[in-house]
Amino acid sequence: MLGLVAVLLVSQLPLEHVADGVASYYTVASSGAQTASGDVMDDRRFTCAMRKGDLGSYVLVVAENGNSVVCRVNDRGPFVKGRVVDLSKAAMRTLHDSAGLLQVNVYKLNLDGVLQQLGLGQS
C-alpha cells in the first residue's frame, strides 16, 4: 500500500529532466567489484551509472516503449559517446526483456518531497 501511495505522490511532483539519449546496461564479471559510491555492484538491484548527478540520488528512466524504472545512482559513466546512462541488468530488463541499448529520457526524482508529503521527512 505504501508503494502505491508513493507512486501517486511522485506522479504529482514536477520532474526535473536530466538527459535524453541512449541507455545501455553494464555488468561485472566478478562479484565484489565496487562502484564509485563504494557499493558492491549487484546486477539484481535497480542502480545506474551517470556522469552527472549526486551519488545516492534517484532517477526515473523512461524508455521509448513507455516502460519506466526508478534507479539509484551509484556509479559514474557511461563513457561511450552518445550514451546518457548505464543501467544494471535488472533495471534494463524492466525496460525491455532483450535490448542492450534503448532510447530513454532521464528525470531526477525529489524523494525528499515525497517523504515530506507522507509525513516521513525531516522538517
PDB file of N, CA and C in Angstrom:
ATOM      1  N   MET A   1       0.814  -1.195   0.000  1.00  0.00           N
ATOM      2  CA  MET A   1       0.000   0.000   0.000  1.00  0.00           C
ATOM      3  C   MET A   1       0.856   1.257   0.000  1.00  0.00           C
ATOM      4  N   LEU A   2       1.926   1.264   0.805  1.00  0.00           N
ATOM      5  CA  LEU A   2       2.803   2.423   0.856  1.00  0.00           C
ATOM      6  C   LEU A   2       3.431   2.676  -0.508  1.00  0.00           C
ATOM      7  N   GLY A   3       3.749   1.608  -1.247  1.00  0.00           N
ATOM      8  CA  GLY A   3       4.308   1.755  -2.591  1.00  0.00           C
ATOM      9  C   GLY A   3       3.353   2.487  -3.510  1.00  0.00           C
ATOM     10  N   LEU A   4       2.082   2.159  -3.439  1.00  0.00           N
ATOM     11  CA  LEU A   4       1.073   2.811  -4.269  1.00  0.00           C
ATOM     12  C   LEU A   4       0.951   4.291  -3.909  1.00  0.00           C
ATOM     13  N   VAL A   5       0.967   4.598  -2.628  1.00  0.00           N
ATOM     14  CA  VAL A   5       0.888   5.982  -2.187  1.00  0.00           C
ATOM     15  C   VAL A   5       2.104   6.759  -2.701  1.00  0.00           C
ATOM     16  N   ALA A   6       3.281   6.159  -2.611  1.00  0.00           N
ATOM     17  CA  ALA A   6       4.497   6.826  -3.086  1.00  0.00           C
ATOM     18  C   ALA A   6       4.430   7.092  -4.579  1.00  0.00           C
ATOM     19  N   VAL A   7       3.933   6.137  -5.351  1.00  0.00           N
ATOM     20  CA  VAL A   7       3.799   6.320  -6.798  1.00  0.00           C
ATOM     21  C   VAL A   7       2.849   7.466  -7.096  1.00  0.00           C
ATOM     22  N   LEU A   8       1.745   7.523  -6.390  1.00  0.00           N
ATOM     23  CA  LEU A   8       0.791   8.605  -6.608  1.00  0.00           C
ATOM     24  C   LEU A   8       1.393   9.963  -6.266  1.00  0.00           C
ATOM     25  N   LEU A   9       2.163  10.016  -5.190  1.00  0.00           N
ATOM     26  CA  LEU A   9       2.795  11.282  -4.818  1.00  0.00           C
ATOM     27  C   LEU A   9       3.866  11.682  -5.824  1.00  0.00           C
ATOM     28  N   VAL A  10       4.672  10.729  -6.278  1.00  0.00           N
ATOM     29  CA  VAL A  10       5.700  11.019  -7.276  1.00  0.00           C
ATOM     30  C   VAL A  10       5.053  11.542  -8.544  1.00  0.00           C
ATOM     31  N   SER A  11       3.907  10.987  -8.915  1.00  0.00           N
ATOM     32  CA  SER A  11       3.249  11.414 -10.143  1.00  0.00           C
ATOM     33  C   SER A  11       2.751  12.856 -10.048  1.00  0.00           C
ATOM     34  N   GLN A  12       2.615  13.387  -8.842  1.00  0.00           N
ATOM     35  CA  GLN A  12       2.150  14.753  -8.654  1.00  0.00           C
ATOM     36  C   GLN A  12       3.296  15.762  -8.547  1.00  0.00           C
ATOM     37  N   LEU A  13       4.528  15.270  -8.453  1.00  0.00           N
ATOM     38  CA  LEU A  13       5.671  16.169  -8.331  1.00  0.00           C
ATOM     39  C   LEU A  13       6.186  16.559  -9.708  1.00  0.00           C
ATOM     40  N   PRO A  14       6.652  17.799  -9.853  1.00  0.00           N
ATOM     41  CA  PRO A  14       7.280  18.162 -11.132  1.00  0.00           C
ATOM     42  C   PRO A  14       8.585  17.393 -11.280  1.00  0.00           C
ATOM     43  N   LEU A  15       8.814  16.871 -12.463  1.00  0.00           N
ATOM     44  CA  LEU A  15      10.033  16.113 -12.719  1.00  0.00           C
ATOM     45  C   LEU A  15      11.070  17.021 -13.353  1.00  0.00           C
ATOM     46  N   GLU A  16      12.293  16.884 -12.916  1.00  0.00           N
ATOM     47  CA  GLU A  16      13.392  17.658 -13.487  1.00  0.00           C
ATOM     48  C   GLU A  16      14.086  16.805 -14.543  1.00  0.00           C
ATOM     49  N   HIS A  17      13.955  17.213 -15.814  1.00  0.00           N
ATOM     50  CA  HIS A  17      14.571  16.473 -16.905  1.00  0.00           C
ATOM     51  C   HIS A  17      16.082  16.598 -16.800  1.00  0.00           C
ATOM     52  N   VAL A  18      16.774  15.455 -16.838  1.00  0.00           N
ATOM     53  CA  VAL A  18      18.226  15.444 -16.709  1.00  0.00           C
ATOM     54  C   VAL A  18      18.893  15.189 -18.056  1.00  0.00           C
ATOM     55  N   ALA A  19      18.377  14.229 -18.800  1.00  0.00           N
ATOM     56  CA  ALA A  19      19.034  13.851 -20.053  1.00  0.00           C
ATOM     57  C   ALA A  19      18.095  13.033 -20.914  1.00  0.00           C
ATOM     58  N   ASP A  20      18.370  13.032 -22.197  1.00  0.00           N
ATOM     59  CA  ASP A  20      17.731  12.079 -23.091  1.00  0.00           C
ATOM     60  C   ASP A  20      18.796  11.581 -24.048  1.00  0.00           C
ATOM     61  N   GLY A  21      18.678  10.316 -24.382  1.00  0.00           N
ATOM     62  CA  GLY A  21      19.676   9.685 -25.238  1.00  0.00           C
ATOM     63  C   GLY A  21      19.598   8.191 -25.098  1.00  0.00           C
ATOM     64  N   VAL A  22      20.740   7.550 -25.261  1.00  0.00           N
ATOM     65  CA  VAL A  22      20.801   6.100 -25.271  1.00  0.00           C
ATOM     66  C   VAL A  22      21.210   5.563 -23.904  1.00  0.00           C
ATOM     67  N   ALA A  23      20.465   4.566 -23.454  1.00  0.00           N
ATOM     68  CA  ALA A  23      20.816   3.828 -22.241  1.00  0.00           C
ATOM     69  C   ALA A  23      21.402   2.488 -22.653  1.00  0.00           C
ATOM     70  N   SER A  24      22.383   2.052 -21.905  1.00  0.00           N
ATOM     71  CA  SER A  24      22.942   0.723 -22.090  1.00  0.00           C
ATOM     72  C   SER A  24      22.926   0.043 -20.726  1.00  0.00           C
ATOM     73  N   TYR A  25      23.298  -1.220 -20.704  1.00  0.00           N
ATOM     74  CA  TYR A  25      23.415  -1.836 -19.379  1.00  0.00           C
ATOM     75  C   TYR A  25      24.821  -2.366 -19.214  1.00  0.00           C
ATOM     76  N   TYR A  26      25.228  -2.421 -17.977  1.00  0.00           N
ATOM     77  CA  TYR A  26      26.559  -2.919 -17.691  1.00  0.00           C
ATOM     78  C   TYR A  26      26.498  -3.918 -16.560  1.00  0.00           C
ATOM     79  N   THR A  27      27.479  -4.771 -16.538  1.00  0.00           N
ATOM     80  CA  THR A  27      27.563  -5.798 -15.524  1.00  0.00           C
ATOM     81  C   THR A  27      29.032  -6.002 -15.196  1.00  0.00           C
ATOM     82  N   VAL A  28      29.303  -6.756 -14.199  1.00  0.00           N
ATOM     83  CA  VAL A  28      30.692  -7.062 -13.853  1.00  0.00           C
ATOM     84  C   VAL A  28      30.886  -8.563 -13.898  1.00  0.00           C
ATOM     85  N   ALA A  29      32.049  -8.967 -14.357  1.00  0.00           N
ATOM     86  CA  ALA A  29      32.329 -10.397 -14.493  1.00  0.00           C
ATOM     87  C   ALA A  29      32.531 -11.068 -13.139  1.00  0.00           C
ATOM     88  N   SER A  30      33.069 -10.327 -12.188  1.00  0.00           N
ATOM     89  CA  SER A  30      33.316 -10.936 -10.879  1.00  0.00           C
ATOM     90  C   SER A  30      32.506 -10.217  -9.810  1.00  0.00           C
ATOM     91  N   SER A  31      32.043 -10.966  -8.860  1.00  0.00           N
ATOM     92  CA  SER A  31      31.311 -10.334  -7.773  1.00  0.00           C
ATOM     93  C   SER A  31      32.299  -9.595  -6.882  1.00  0.00           C
ATOM     94  N   GLY A  32      31.808  -8.582  -6.222  1.00  0.00           N
ATOM     95  CA  GLY A  32      32.668  -7.829  -5.322  1.00  0.00           C
ATOM     96  C   GLY A  32      33.245  -6.567  -5.926  1.00  0.00           C
ATOM     97  N   ALA A  33      33.013  -6.308  -7.219  1.00  0.00           N
ATOM     98  CA  ALA A  33      33.515  -5.071  -7.820  1.00  0.00           C
ATOM     99  C   ALA A  33      32.780  -3.886  -7.190  1.00  0.00           C
ATOM    100  N   GLN A  34      33.511  -2.848  -6.872  1.00  0.00           N
ATOM    101  CA  GLN A  34      32.909  -1.688  -6.225  1.00  0.00           C
ATOM    102  C   GLN A  34      32.580  -0.602  -7.236  1.00  0.00           C
ATOM    103  N   THR A  35      31.484   0.092  -6.961  1.00  0.00           N
ATOM    104  CA  THR A  35      31.088   1.236  -7.771  1.00  0.00           C
ATOM    105  C   THR A  35      31.711   2.497  -7.172  1.00  0.00           C
ATOM    106  N   ALA A  36      31.526   3.627  -7.843  1.00  0.00           N
ATOM    107  CA  ALA A  36      32.088   4.892  -7.360  1.00  0.00           C
ATOM    108  C   ALA A  36      31.555   5.276  -5.980  1.00  0.00           C
ATOM    109  N   SER A  37      30.353   4.827  -5.652  1.00  0.00           N
ATOM    110  CA  SER A  37      29.772   5.141  -4.344  1.00  0.00           C
ATOM    111  C   SER A  37      30.291   4.244  -3.227  1.00  0.00           C
ATOM    112  N   GLY A  38      31.019   3.199  -3.613  1.00  0.00           N
ATOM    113  CA  GLY A  38      31.503   2.234  -2.632  1.00  0.00           C
ATOM    114  C   GLY A  38      30.622   1.009  -2.525  1.00  0.00           C
ATOM    115  N   ASP A  39      29.443   1.052  -3.161  1.00  0.00           N
ATOM    116  CA  ASP A  39      28.551  -0.112  -3.176  1.00  0.00           C
ATOM    117  C   ASP A  39      29.187  -1.234  -3.980  1.00  0.00           C
ATOM    118  N   VAL A  40      28.862  -2.446  -3.619  1.00  0.00           N
ATOM    119  CA  VAL A  40      29.255  -3.592  -4.427  1.00  0.00           C
ATOM    120  C   VAL A  40      28.258  -3.707  -5.575  1.00  0.00           C
ATOM    121  N   MET A  41      28.745  -3.862  -6.791  1.00  0.00           N
ATOM    122  CA  MET A  41      27.863  -3.978  -7.958  1.00  0.00           C
ATOM    123  C   MET A  41      27.031  -5.243  -7.830  1.00  0.00           C
ATOM    124  N   ASP A  42      25.727  -5.098  -8.034  1.00  0.00           N
ATOM    125  CA  ASP A  42      24.793  -6.214  -7.954  1.00  0.00           C
ATOM    126  C   ASP A  42      23.801  -6.079  -9.099  1.00  0.00           C
ATOM    127  N   ASP A  43      23.870  -6.993 -10.051  1.00  0.00           N
ATOM    128  CA  ASP A  43      23.012  -6.961 -11.240  1.00  0.00           C
ATOM    129  C   ASP A  43      21.526  -7.042 -10.908  1.00  0.00           C
ATOM    130  N   ARG A  44      21.194  -7.491  -9.707  1.00  0.00           N
ATOM    131  CA  ARG A  44      19.786  -7.665  -9.335  1.00  0.00           C
ATOM    132  C   ARG A  44      19.161  -6.402  -8.754  1.00  0.00           C
ATOM    133  N   ARG A  45      19.950  -5.411  -8.457  1.00  0.00           N
ATOM    134  CA  ARG A  45      19.448  -4.166  -7.878  1.00  0.00           C
ATOM    135  C   ARG A  45      19.169  -3.142  -8.979  1.00  0.00           C
ATOM    136  N   PHE A  46      18.287  -2.197  -8.692  1.00  0.00           N
ATOM    137  CA  PHE A  46      17.936  -1.159  -9.656  1.00  0.00           C
ATOM    138  C   PHE A  46      18.860   0.042  -9.441  1.00  0.00           C
ATOM    139  N   THR A  47      20.017  -0.033 -10.089  1.00  0.00           N
ATOM    140  CA  THR A  47      21.026   1.004  -9.967  1.00  0.00           C
ATOM    141  C   THR A  47      21.460   1.452 -11.354  1.00  0.00           C
ATOM    142  N   CYS A  48      22.190   2.575 -11.379  1.00  0.00           N
ATOM    143  CA  CYS A  48      22.681   3.079 -12.658  1.00  0.00           C
ATOM    144  C   CYS A  48      23.947   3.896 -12.455  1.00  0.00           C
ATOM    145  N   ALA A  49      24.613   4.138 -13.576  1.00  0.00           N
ATOM    146  CA  ALA A  49      25.786   4.994 -13.606  1.00  0.00           C
ATOM    147  C   ALA A  49      25.483   6.187 -14.489  1.00  0.00           C
ATOM    148  N   MET A  50      25.793   7.377 -13.964  1.00  0.00           N
ATOM    149  CA  MET A  50      25.613   8.610 -14.730  1.00  0.00           C
ATOM    150  C   MET A  50      26.818   9.510 -14.487  1.00  0.00           C
ATOM    151  N   ARG A  51      27.182  10.273 -15.507  1.00  0.00           N
ATOM    152  CA  ARG A  51      28.293  11.214 -15.359  1.00  0.00           C
ATOM    153  C   ARG A  51      27.905  12.363 -14.438  1.00  0.00           C
ATOM    154  N   LYS A  52      26.632  12.800 -14.550  1.00  0.00           N
ATOM    155  CA  LYS A  52      26.138  13.898 -13.709  1.00  0.00           C
ATOM    156  C   LYS A  52      25.205  13.320 -12.662  1.00  0.00           C
ATOM    157  N   GLY A  53      24.966  14.104 -11.638  1.00  0.00           N
ATOM    158  CA  GLY A  53      24.038  13.671 -10.600  1.00  0.00           C
ATOM    159  C   GLY A  53      24.769  13.227  -9.358  1.00  0.00           C
ATOM    160  N   ASP A  54      24.102  13.388  -8.251  1.00  0.00           N
ATOM    161  CA  ASP A  54      24.693  13.027  -6.967  1.00  0.00           C
ATOM    162  C   ASP A  54      24.623  11.524  -6.756  1.00  0.00           C
ATOM    163  N   LEU A  55      25.743  10.959  -6.318  1.00  0.00           N
ATOM    164  CA  LEU A  55      25.726   9.545  -5.950  1.00  0.00           C
ATOM    165  C   LEU A  55      24.729   9.371  -4.814  1.00  0.00           C
ATOM    166  N   GLY A  56      23.897   8.358  -4.901  1.00  0.00           N
ATOM    167  CA  GLY A  56      22.877   8.099  -3.894  1.00  0.00           C
ATOM    168  C   GLY A  56      21.525   8.698  -4.233  1.00  0.00           C
ATOM    169  N   SER A  57      21.475   9.573  -5.244  1.00  0.00           N
ATOM    170  CA  SER A  57      20.193  10.145  -5.650  1.00  0.00           C
ATOM    171  C   SER A  57      19.438   9.139  -6.519  1.00  0.00           C
ATOM    172  N   TYR A  58      18.175   9.441  -6.790  1.00  0.00           N
ATOM    173  CA  TYR A  58      17.336   8.549  -7.576  1.00  0.00           C
ATOM    174  C   TYR A  58      16.873   9.234  -8.851  1.00  0.00           C
ATOM    175  N   VAL A  59      16.787   8.440  -9.915  1.00  0.00           N
ATOM    176  CA  VAL A  59      16.306   8.941 -11.201  1.00  0.00           C
ATOM    177  C   VAL A  59      15.212   8.023 -11.729  1.00  0.00           C
ATOM    178  N   LEU A  60      14.325   8.618 -12.507  1.00  0.00           N
ATOM    179  CA  LEU A  60      13.307   7.876 -13.230  1.00  0.00           C
ATOM    180  C   LEU A  60      13.783   7.774 -14.660  1.00  0.00           C
ATOM    181  N   VAL A  61      13.891   6.549 -15.176  1.00  0.00           N
ATOM    182  CA  VAL A  61      14.319   6.316 -16.550  1.00  0.00           C
ATOM    183  C   VAL A  61      13.108   5.808 -17.318  1.00  0.00           C
ATOM    184  N   VAL A  62      12.724   6.549 -18.367  1.00  0.00           N
ATOM    185  CA  VAL A  62      11.556   6.212 -19.171  1.00  0.00           C
ATOM    186  C   VAL A  62      12.018   5.843 -20.571  1.00  0.00           C
ATOM    187  N   ALA A  63      11.721   4.616 -20.977  1.00  0.00           N
ATOM    188  CA  ALA A  63      12.119   4.133 -22.305  1.00  0.00           C
ATOM    189  C   ALA A  63      11.104   4.561 -23.348  1.00  0.00           C
ATOM    190  N   GLU A  64      11.535   4.556 -24.604  1.00  0.00           N
ATOM    191  CA  GLU A  64      10.651   4.958 -25.695  1.00  0.00           C
ATOM    192  C   GLU A  64       9.454   4.022 -25.836  1.00  0.00           C
ATOM    193  N   ASN A  65       9.540   2.814 -25.290  1.00  0.00           N
ATOM    194  CA  ASN A  65       8.410   1.880 -25.351  1.00  0.00           C
ATOM    195  C   ASN A  65       7.379   2.141 -24.249  1.00  0.00           C
ATOM    196  N   GLY A  66       7.637   3.150 -23.395  1.00  0.00           N
ATOM    197  CA  GLY A  66       6.697   3.505 -22.341  1.00  0.00           C
ATOM    198  C   GLY A  66       7.001   2.885 -20.990  1.00  0.00           C
ATOM    199  N   ASN A  67       7.877   1.904 -20.940  1.00  0.00           N
ATOM    200  CA  ASN A  67       8.248   1.293 -19.666  1.00  0.00           C
ATOM    201  C   ASN A  67       9.172   2.235 -18.901  1.00  0.00           C
ATOM    202  N   SER A  68       9.125   2.144 -17.580  1.00  0.00           N
ATOM    203  CA  SER A  68       9.964   3.013 -16.762  1.00  0.00           C
ATOM    204  C   SER A  68      10.474   2.270 -15.537  1.00  0.00           C
ATOM    205  N   VAL A  69      11.539   2.811 -14.962  1.00  0.00           N
ATOM    206  CA  VAL A  69      12.141   2.220 -13.771  1.00  0.00           C
ATOM    207  C   VAL A  69      12.784   3.338 -12.956  1.00  0.00           C
ATOM    208  N   VAL A  70      12.762   3.181 -11.640  1.00  0.00           N
ATOM    209  CA  VAL A  70      13.453   4.100 -10.742  1.00  0.00           C
ATOM    210  C   VAL A  70      14.759   3.433 -10.328  1.00  0.00           C
ATOM    211  N   CYS A  71      15.854   4.172 -10.485  1.00  0.00           N
ATOM    212  CA  CYS A  71      17.182   3.639 -10.166  1.00  0.00           C
ATOM    213  C   CYS A  71      17.923   4.572  -9.225  1.00  0.00           C
ATOM    214  N   ARG A  72      18.784   3.986  -8.435  1.00  0.00           N
ATOM    215  CA  ARG A  72      19.681   4.751  -7.557  1.00  0.00           C
ATOM    216  C   ARG A  72      21.005   4.944  -8.293  1.00  0.00           C
ATOM    217  N   VAL A  73      21.486   6.186  -8.328  1.00  0.00           N
ATOM    218  CA  VAL A  73      22.772   6.484  -8.973  1.00  0.00           C
ATOM    219  C   VAL A  73      23.877   6.072  -8.014  1.00  0.00           C
ATOM    220  N   ASN A  74      24.658   5.058  -8.412  1.00  0.00           N
ATOM    221  CA  ASN A  74      25.725   4.600  -7.523  1.00  0.00           C
ATOM    222  C   ASN A  74      27.081   4.494  -8.207  1.00  0.00           C
ATOM    223  N   ASP A  75      27.157   4.969  -9.466  1.00  0.00           N
ATOM    224  CA  ASP A  75      28.422   4.858 -10.195  1.00  0.00           C
ATOM    225  C   ASP A  75      28.530   5.977 -11.222  1.00  0.00           C
ATOM    226  N   ARG A  76      29.705   6.145 -11.776  1.00  0.00           N
ATOM    227  CA  ARG A  76      29.951   7.130 -12.819  1.00  0.00           C
ATOM    228  C   ARG A  76      30.055   6.426 -14.168  1.00  0.00           C
ATOM    229  N   GLY A  77      29.628   7.090 -15.186  1.00  0.00           N
ATOM    230  CA  GLY A  77      29.615   6.552 -16.535  1.00  0.00           C
ATOM    231  C   GLY A  77      28.349   7.038 -17.190  1.00  0.00           C
ATOM    232  N   PRO A  78      27.988   6.602 -18.326  1.00  0.00           N
ATOM    233  CA  PRO A  78      28.785   5.776 -19.244  1.00  0.00           C
ATOM    234  C   PRO A  78      29.884   6.604 -19.900  1.00  0.00           C
ATOM    235  N   PHE A  79      30.857   5.921 -20.418  1.00  0.00           N
ATOM    236  CA  PHE A  79      31.995   6.587 -21.028  1.00  0.00           C
ATOM    237  C   PHE A  79      32.041   6.345 -22.530  1.00  0.00           C
ATOM    238  N   VAL A  80      30.871   6.099 -23.113  1.00  0.00           N
ATOM    239  CA  VAL A  80      30.727   5.939 -24.554  1.00  0.00           C
ATOM    240  C   VAL A  80      29.927   7.132 -25.067  1.00  0.00           C
ATOM    241  N   LYS A  81      30.441   7.792 -26.086  1.00  0.00           N
ATOM    242  CA  LYS A  81      29.780   8.988 -26.620  1.00  0.00           C
ATOM    243  C   LYS A  81      28.342   8.679 -27.034  1.00  0.00           C
ATOM    244  N   GLY A  82      27.424   9.569 -26.650  1.00  0.00           N
ATOM    245  CA  GLY A  82      26.022   9.424 -27.023  1.00  0.00           C
ATOM    246  C   GLY A  82      25.179   8.662 -26.020  1.00  0.00           C
ATOM    247  N   ARG A  83      25.804   8.023 -25.062  1.00  0.00           N
ATOM    248  CA  ARG A  83      25.050   7.301 -24.034  1.00  0.00           C
ATOM    249  C   ARG A  83      24.911   8.185 -22.804  1.00  0.00           C
ATOM    250  N   VAL A  84      23.721   8.165 -22.197  1.00  0.00           N
ATOM    251  CA  VAL A  84      23.455   9.045 -21.058  1.00  0.00           C
ATOM    252  C   VAL A  84      23.373   8.309 -19.727  1.00  0.00           C
ATOM    253  N   VAL A  85      23.139   7.001 -19.764  1.00  0.00           N
ATOM    254  CA  VAL A  85      23.017   6.242 -18.520  1.00  0.00           C
ATOM    255  C   VAL A  85      23.366   4.783 -18.785  1.00  0.00           C
ATOM    256  N   ASP A  86      24.093   4.183 -17.850  1.00  0.00           N
ATOM    257  CA  ASP A  86      24.337   2.740 -17.832  1.00  0.00           C
ATOM    258  C   ASP A  86      23.463   2.161 -16.735  1.00  0.00           C
ATOM    259  N   LEU A  87      22.654   1.195 -17.080  1.00  0.00           N
ATOM    260  CA  LEU A  87      21.723   0.583 -16.128  1.00  0.00           C
ATOM    261  C   LEU A  87      22.212  -0.778 -15.668  1.00  0.00           C
ATOM    262  N   SER A  88      21.835  -1.160 -14.463  1.00  0.00           N
ATOM    263  CA  SER A  88      22.078  -2.529 -14.021  1.00  0.00           C
ATOM    264  C   SER A  88      21.238  -3.457 -14.897  1.00  0.00           C
ATOM    265  N   LYS A  89      21.586  -4.712 -14.905  1.00  0.00           N
ATOM    266  CA  LYS A  89      20.845  -5.674 -15.738  1.00  0.00           C
ATOM    267  C   LYS A  89      19.372  -5.727 -15.329  1.00  0.00           C
ATOM    268  N   ALA A  90      19.085  -5.697 -14.031  1.00  0.00           N
ATOM    269  CA  ALA A  90      17.691  -5.751 -13.563  1.00  0.00           C
ATOM    270  C   ALA A  90      16.908  -4.550 -14.070  1.00  0.00           C
ATOM    271  N   ALA A  91      17.526  -3.368 -14.028  1.00  0.00           N
ATOM    272  CA  ALA A  91      16.837  -2.164 -14.494  1.00  0.00           C
ATOM    273  C   ALA A  91      16.585  -2.228 -15.996  1.00  0.00           C
ATOM    274  N   MET A  92      17.593  -2.669 -16.762  1.00  0.00           N
ATOM    275  CA  MET A  92      17.416  -2.749 -18.212  1.00  0.00           C
ATOM    276  C   MET A  92      16.344  -3.765 -18.576  1.00  0.00           C
ATOM    277  N   ARG A  93      16.305  -4.898 -17.896  1.00  0.00           N
ATOM    278  CA  ARG A  93      15.306  -5.930 -18.211  1.00  0.00           C
ATOM    279  C   ARG A  93      13.899  -5.482 -17.835  1.00  0.00           C
ATOM    280  N   THR A  94      13.781  -4.564 -16.901  1.00  0.00           N
ATOM    281  CA  THR A  94      12.478  -3.990 -16.585  1.00  0.00           C
ATOM    282  C   THR A  94      11.995  -3.120 -17.741  1.00  0.00           C
ATOM    283  N   LEU A  95      12.923  -2.429 -18.380  1.00  0.00           N
ATOM    284  CA  LEU A  95      12.571  -1.569 -19.513  1.00  0.00           C
ATOM    285  C   LEU A  95      12.316  -2.367 -20.786  1.00  0.00           C
ATOM    286  N   HIS A  96      13.121  -3.407 -21.002  1.00  0.00           N
ATOM    287  CA  HIS A  96      12.985  -4.235 -22.208  1.00  0.00           C
ATOM    288  C   HIS A  96      13.598  -5.593 -21.917  1.00  0.00           C
ATOM    289  N   ASP A  97      12.940  -6.663 -22.350  1.00  0.00           N
ATOM    290  CA  ASP A  97      13.402  -8.006 -21.981  1.00  0.00           C
ATOM    291  C   ASP A  97      14.636  -8.484 -22.729  1.00  0.00           C
ATOM    292  N   SER A  98      15.056  -7.807 -23.806  1.00  0.00           N
ATOM    293  CA  SER A  98      16.221  -8.309 -24.530  1.00  0.00           C
ATOM    294  C   SER A  98      17.146  -7.233 -25.096  1.00  0.00           C
ATOM    295  N   ALA A  99      16.764  -5.985 -25.061  1.00  0.00           N
ATOM    296  CA  ALA A  99      17.582  -4.934 -25.677  1.00  0.00           C
ATOM    297  C   ALA A  99      18.861  -4.679 -24.896  1.00  0.00           C
ATOM    298  N   GLY A 100      19.902  -4.306 -25.610  1.00  0.00           N
ATOM    299  CA  GLY A 100      21.153  -3.897 -24.994  1.00  0.00           C
ATOM    300  C   GLY A 100      21.287  -2.385 -24.966  1.00  0.00           C
ATOM    301  N   LEU A 101      20.577  -1.726 -25.885  1.00  0.00           N
ATOM    302  CA  LEU A 101      20.558  -0.266 -25.969  1.00  0.00           C
ATOM    303  C   LEU A 101      19.117   0.187 -26.140  1.00  0.00           C
ATOM    304  N   LEU A 102      18.752   1.278 -25.477  1.00  0.00           N
ATOM    305  CA  LEU A 102      17.401   1.834 -25.577  1.00  0.00           C
ATOM    306  C   LEU A 102      17.450   3.346 -25.576  1.00  0.00           C
ATOM    307  N   GLN A 103      16.546   3.949 -26.306  1.00  0.00           N
ATOM    308  CA  GLN A 103      16.378   5.399 -26.252  1.00  0.00           C
ATOM    309  C   GLN A 103      15.555   5.723 -25.004  1.00  0.00           C
ATOM    310  N   VAL A 104      16.050   6.645 -24.168  1.00  0.00           N
ATOM    311  CA  VAL A 104      15.386   6.940 -22.897  1.00  0.00           C
ATOM    312  C   VAL A 104      15.381   8.433 -22.598  1.00  0.00           C
ATOM    313  N   ASN A 105      14.518   8.809 -21.674  1.00  0.00           N
ATOM    314  CA  ASN A 105      14.532  10.118 -21.026  1.00  0.00           C
ATOM    315  C   ASN A 105      14.799   9.852 -19.553  1.00  0.00           C
ATOM    316  N   VAL A 106      15.636  10.684 -18.950  1.00  0.00           N
ATOM    317  CA  VAL A 106      16.009  10.512 -17.546  1.00  0.00           C
ATOM    318  C   VAL A 106      15.572  11.747 -16.770  1.00  0.00           C
ATOM    319  N   TYR A 107      14.922  11.504 -15.618  1.00  0.00           N
ATOM    320  CA  TYR A 107      14.414  12.578 -14.769  1.00  0.00           C
ATOM    321  C   TYR A 107      14.922  12.383 -13.348  1.00  0.00           C
ATOM    322  N   LYS A 108      15.323  13.476 -12.714  1.00  0.00           N
ATOM    323  CA  LYS A 108      15.733  13.429 -11.316  1.00  0.00           C
ATOM    324  C   LYS A 108      14.489  13.371 -10.450  1.00  0.00           C
ATOM    325  N   LEU A 109      14.505  12.524  -9.442  1.00  0.00           N
ATOM    326  CA  LEU A 109      13.383  12.416  -8.511  1.00  0.00           C
ATOM    327  C   LEU A 109      13.735  13.113  -7.201  1.00  0.00           C
ATOM    328  N   ASN A 110      12.803  13.862  -6.698  1.00  0.00           N
ATOM    329  CA  ASN A 110      12.959  14.530  -5.418  1.00  0.00           C
ATOM    330  C   ASN A 110      12.239  13.683  -4.367  1.00  0.00           C
ATOM    331  N   LEU A 111      12.922  12.669  -3.879  1.00  0.00           N
ATOM    332  CA  LEU A 111      12.290  11.768  -2.906  1.00  0.00           C
ATOM    333  C   LEU A 111      12.080  12.440  -1.561  1.00  0.00           C
ATOM    334  N   ASP A 112      12.847  13.487  -1.276  1.00  0.00           N
ATOM    335  CA  ASP A 112      12.618  14.222  -0.028  1.00  0.00           C
ATOM    336  C   ASP A 112      11.216  14.814  -0.019  1.00  0.00           C
ATOM    337  N   GLY A 113      10.753  15.320  -1.172  1.00  0.00           N
ATOM    338  CA  GLY A 113       9.416  15.878  -1.283  1.00  0.00           C
ATOM    339  C   GLY A 113       8.349  14.821  -1.037  1.00  0.00           C
ATOM    340  N   VAL A 114       8.586  13.623  -1.555  1.00  0.00           N
ATOM    341  CA  VAL A 114       7.624  12.516  -1.347  1.00  0.00           C
ATOM    342  C   VAL A 114       7.576  12.154   0.128  1.00  0.00           C
ATOM    343  N   LEU A 115       8.747  12.045   0.756  1.00  0.00           N
ATOM    344  CA  LEU A 115       8.785  11.678   2.174  1.00  0.00           C
ATOM    345  C   LEU A 115       8.098  12.734   3.038  1.00  0.00           C
ATOM    346  N   GLN A 116       8.268  14.005   2.685  1.00  0.00           N
ATOM    347  CA  GLN A 116       7.613  15.061   3.442  1.00  0.00           C
ATOM    348  C   GLN A 116       6.099  14.981   3.289  1.00  0.00           C
ATOM    349  N   GLN A 117       5.624  14.682   2.066  1.00  0.00           N
ATOM    350  CA  GLN A 117       4.182  14.569   1.863  1.00  0.00           C
ATOM    351  C   GLN A 117       3.614  13.375   2.623  1.00  0.00           C
ATOM    352  N   LEU A 118       4.424  12.344   2.825  1.00  0.00           N
ATOM    353  CA  LEU A 118       3.989  11.180   3.598  1.00  0.00           C
ATOM    354  C   LEU A 118       4.119  11.420   5.097  1.00  0.00           C
ATOM    355  N   GLY A 119       4.729  12.544   5.458  1.00  0.00           N
ATOM    356  CA  GLY A 119       4.944  12.832   6.875  1.00  0.00           C
ATOM    357  C   GLY A 119       6.140  12.094   7.436  1.00  0.00           C
ATOM    358  N   LEU A 120       7.033  11.627   6.557  1.00  0.00           N
ATOM    359  CA  LEU A 120       8.199  10.862   6.997  1.00  0.00           C
ATOM    360  C   LEU A 120       9.490  11.636   6.861  1.00  0.00           C
ATOM    361  N   GLY A 121       9.440  12.813   6.244  1.00  0.00           N
ATOM    362  CA  GLY A 121      10.646  13.614   6.009  1.00  0.00           C
ATOM    363  C   GLY A 121      11.009  14.464   7.201  1.00  0.00           C
ATOM    364  N   GLN A 122      12.215  14.980   7.137  1.00  0.00           N
ATOM    365  CA  GLN A 122      12.665  15.880   8.182  1.00  0.00           C
ATOM    366  C   GLN A 122      12.264  17.288   7.836  1.00  0.00           C
ATOM    367  N   SER A 123      11.856  18.058   8.825  1.00  0.00           N
ATOM    368  CA  SER A 123      11.419  19.438   8.599  1.00  0.00           C
ATOM    369  C   SER A 123      12.570  20.383   8.680  1.00  0.00           C
TER     370      SER A 123
END
